[in-house]
Amino acid sequence: MLLRTEELEDRPAISKLVARAFADQAKGGEPGEVALLEQLYACDEYIQQFSVVALVEDQIVGHVIATRGWLDGDVPLLGLGPIAVDPEFQGKGIGGALLNEIRDRAIAAGERGIILLGHTTYYPRFGYVPAIPAGIIPSDVSWGDHFMALQLGDKELPQGKFIYAAPFGV
């Protein structure tokens, strides 16, 4: 498996991957994550180095993106998501490798933390903890423990309200 920064030419394959990964047979149609990803690419909060693809035999089988978010409007953090792995490749460590790559890149770039909204049984194994008890408040408190934070470095994350990149709408 090879991990590398997403390139413009990758985007059609990434969109197809995200559509497969988030497909809901009951609802049908294109998952909302596909449109969200297109909007994230076009927003001011997009940072190319935090858009990473996983390739197996030159096929894109995974993707993760983290965009700029803000704590109390002035403390920069990263907001992670969506993350997608092709259903045929799930359970093979690709998602974990993508999360570790984003973490390592964020540390190298001097970022203070990463915020995400996700499964409480998956993300804690990568160091994410519920953010609300740590004083980081989401725009929707009903997210509860699904709203998580990963502290990077020695400094504790400050407390306050976290706002995702504009396309998230929250």
Protein backbone atom coordinates (compact mmCIF):
# COMPACT_ATOMS: atom_id res chain seq x y z
CA MET A 1 0.00 0.00 0.00
CA LEU A 2 1.21 3.49 -0.86
CA LEU A 3 0.00 6.66 0.88
CA ARG A 4 0.44 10.00 -0.87
CA THR A 5 -1.04 13.46 -1.13
CA GLU A 6 -4.15 13.68 -3.31
CA GLU A 7 -3.64 15.17 -6.76
CA LEU A 8 -6.21 16.94 -8.92
CA GLU A 9 -6.33 13.97 -11.32
CA ASP A 10 -7.30 11.68 -8.40
CA ARG A 11 -10.56 13.45 -7.65
CA PRO A 12 -12.89 11.49 -9.99
CA ALA A 13 -11.60 8.20 -8.54
CA ILE A 14 -11.90 9.57 -5.00
CA SER A 15 -15.52 10.60 -5.65
CA LYS A 16 -16.36 7.09 -6.89
CA LEU A 17 -14.63 5.58 -3.89
CA VAL A 18 -16.53 7.81 -1.45
CA ALA A 19 -19.82 6.96 -3.20
CA ARG A 20 -19.11 3.22 -2.79
CA ALA A 21 -17.95 3.56 0.80
CA PHE A 22 -20.99 5.58 1.92
CA ALA A 23 -23.62 3.92 -0.31
CA ASP A 24 -26.95 3.30 1.39
CA GLN A 25 -28.91 0.67 -0.53
CA ALA A 26 -32.14 1.64 1.24
CA LYS A 27 -31.92 5.31 0.28
CA GLY A 28 -30.23 5.00 -3.10
CA GLY A 29 -28.77 8.00 -4.87
CA GLU A 30 -25.41 9.62 -4.31
CA PRO A 31 -24.30 9.89 -0.68
CA GLY A 32 -24.03 13.42 0.71
CA GLU A 33 -20.34 12.84 1.48
CA VAL A 34 -19.54 13.06 -2.26
CA ALA A 35 -20.93 16.61 -2.54
CA LEU A 36 -19.34 17.56 0.79
CA LEU A 37 -15.95 16.45 -0.47
CA GLU A 38 -16.30 18.53 -3.65
CA GLN A 39 -17.19 21.55 -1.53
CA LEU A 40 -14.23 20.94 0.78
CA TYR A 41 -11.84 20.94 -2.19
CA ALA A 42 -13.17 24.35 -3.19
CA CYS A 43 -13.29 26.04 0.22
CA ASP A 44 -10.76 28.36 1.85
CA GLU A 45 -10.17 25.82 4.62
CA TYR A 46 -8.83 23.14 2.21
CA ILE A 47 -5.17 22.22 2.82
CA GLN A 48 -3.81 19.89 0.13
CA GLN A 49 -1.22 18.19 2.37
CA PHE A 50 -4.09 16.91 4.51
CA SER A 51 -5.90 15.18 1.64
CA VAL A 52 -4.34 11.72 1.41
CA VAL A 53 -5.05 8.70 -0.79
CA ALA A 54 -4.18 5.04 -0.21
CA LEU A 55 -3.26 3.05 -3.29
CA VAL A 56 -3.03 -0.69 -3.80
CA GLU A 57 -1.58 -1.70 -7.17
CA ASP A 58 -2.12 1.87 -8.46
CA GLN A 59 -5.84 1.78 -7.51
CA ILE A 60 -7.18 4.34 -5.04
CA VAL A 61 -8.74 2.27 -2.26
CA GLY A 62 -8.85 4.87 0.52
CA HIS A 63 -9.00 8.60 1.13
CA VAL A 64 -9.01 10.94 4.10
CA ILE A 65 -9.23 14.71 4.30
CA ALA A 66 -8.72 17.16 7.14
CA THR A 67 -9.57 20.82 6.70
CA ARG A 68 -9.02 23.91 8.82
CA GLY A 69 -11.42 24.40 11.67
CA TRP A 70 -11.41 26.92 14.48
CA LEU A 71 -11.81 26.79 18.22
CA ASP A 72 -13.53 29.94 19.46
CA GLY A 73 -12.83 31.56 16.10
CA ASP A 74 -9.10 32.03 16.57
CA VAL A 75 -7.39 28.78 17.58
CA PRO A 76 -6.66 26.71 14.46
CA LEU A 77 -7.32 22.97 14.60
CA LEU A 78 -7.99 20.36 11.93
CA GLY A 79 -11.43 18.90 11.30
CA LEU A 80 -11.12 15.37 9.93
CA GLY A 81 -13.56 13.82 7.49
CA PRO A 82 -14.81 12.27 5.52
CA ILE A 83 -12.60 9.20 5.57
CA ALA A 84 -13.44 6.41 3.15
CA VAL A 85 -12.12 2.95 2.34
CA ASP A 86 -13.40 0.89 -0.58
CA PRO A 87 -15.76 -1.77 0.85
CA GLU A 88 -13.66 -4.53 -0.76
CA PHE A 89 -10.60 -3.32 1.18
CA GLN A 90 -12.16 -2.58 4.57
CA GLY A 91 -10.80 -4.42 7.58
CA LYS A 92 -7.27 -4.51 6.16
CA GLY A 93 -5.75 -1.59 8.10
CA ILE A 94 -6.15 1.03 5.38
CA GLY A 95 -8.35 3.34 7.47
CA GLY A 96 -5.89 3.13 10.35
CA ALA A 97 -2.96 3.86 8.05
CA LEU A 98 -4.76 6.94 6.71
CA LEU A 99 -5.52 8.18 10.24
CA ASN A 100 -1.91 7.67 11.30
CA GLU A 101 -0.66 9.48 8.19
CA ILE A 102 -2.89 12.51 8.87
CA ARG A 103 -1.73 12.54 12.51
CA ASP A 104 1.93 12.37 11.50
CA ARG A 105 1.52 15.11 8.90
CA ALA A 106 -0.34 17.29 11.41
CA ILE A 107 2.42 16.87 13.99
CA ALA A 108 5.09 17.70 11.40
CA ALA A 109 3.12 20.83 10.43
CA GLY A 110 2.88 21.99 14.06
CA GLU A 111 -0.88 21.48 14.40
CA ARG A 112 -2.30 21.36 17.94
CA GLY A 113 -5.14 18.92 17.44
CA ILE A 114 -7.60 17.09 15.23
CA ILE A 115 -11.36 17.01 15.73
CA LEU A 116 -13.76 14.49 14.20
CA LEU A 117 -17.27 13.13 14.40
CA GLY A 118 -17.21 9.34 14.28
CA HIS A 119 -17.76 5.91 15.76
CA THR A 120 -16.95 5.64 19.46
CA THR A 121 -15.64 2.08 19.05
CA TYR A 122 -13.21 2.81 16.19
CA TYR A 123 -11.44 6.13 16.70
CA PRO A 124 -10.35 5.75 20.37
CA ARG A 125 -7.82 3.08 19.32
CA PHE A 126 -6.03 5.91 17.47
CA GLY A 127 -5.96 8.19 20.51
CA TYR A 128 -9.20 10.12 19.98
CA VAL A 129 -11.21 10.90 23.11
CA PRO A 130 -14.64 12.45 23.65
CA ALA A 131 -14.14 16.20 23.20
CA ILE A 132 -17.05 17.56 25.24
CA PRO A 133 -15.66 16.39 28.62
CA ALA A 134 -12.38 18.08 27.66
CA GLY A 135 -14.25 21.36 27.16
CA ILE A 136 -14.37 21.37 23.35
CA ILE A 137 -17.97 21.99 22.41
CA PRO A 138 -19.52 21.08 19.04
CA SER A 139 -22.13 23.15 17.27
CA ASP A 140 -24.57 20.29 17.98
CA VAL A 141 -24.22 18.92 21.53
CA SER A 142 -26.39 15.91 20.63
CA TRP A 143 -23.27 14.45 18.97
CA GLY A 144 -22.14 13.51 22.46
CA ASP A 145 -19.19 11.13 22.65
CA HIS A 146 -19.13 10.79 18.83
CA PHE A 147 -17.52 14.25 18.79
CA MET A 148 -13.85 13.47 19.49
CA ALA A 149 -10.47 15.18 19.73
CA LEU A 150 -6.87 14.13 19.33
CA GLN A 151 -4.30 16.29 21.12
CA LEU A 152 -1.02 16.63 19.24
CA GLY A 153 2.11 17.55 21.12
CA ASP A 154 2.57 18.52 24.75
CA LYS A 155 0.16 21.42 25.05
CA GLU A 156 -3.36 20.65 26.19
CA LEU A 157 -6.04 21.69 23.77
CA PRO A 158 -7.79 24.87 24.86
CA GLN A 159 -11.48 24.82 25.66
CA GLY A 160 -14.16 26.45 23.53
CA LYS A 161 -16.57 25.91 20.67
CA PHE A 162 -15.25 24.16 17.57
CA ILE A 163 -16.40 25.23 14.11
CA TYR A 164 -15.72 23.01 11.10
CA ALA A 165 -14.83 24.25 7.61
CA ALA A 166 -17.72 26.15 6.02
CA PRO A 167 -19.01 23.29 3.78
CA PHE A 168 -19.92 21.25 6.84
CA GLY A 169 -22.55 23.88 7.62
CA VAL A 170 -22.07 23.49 11.39
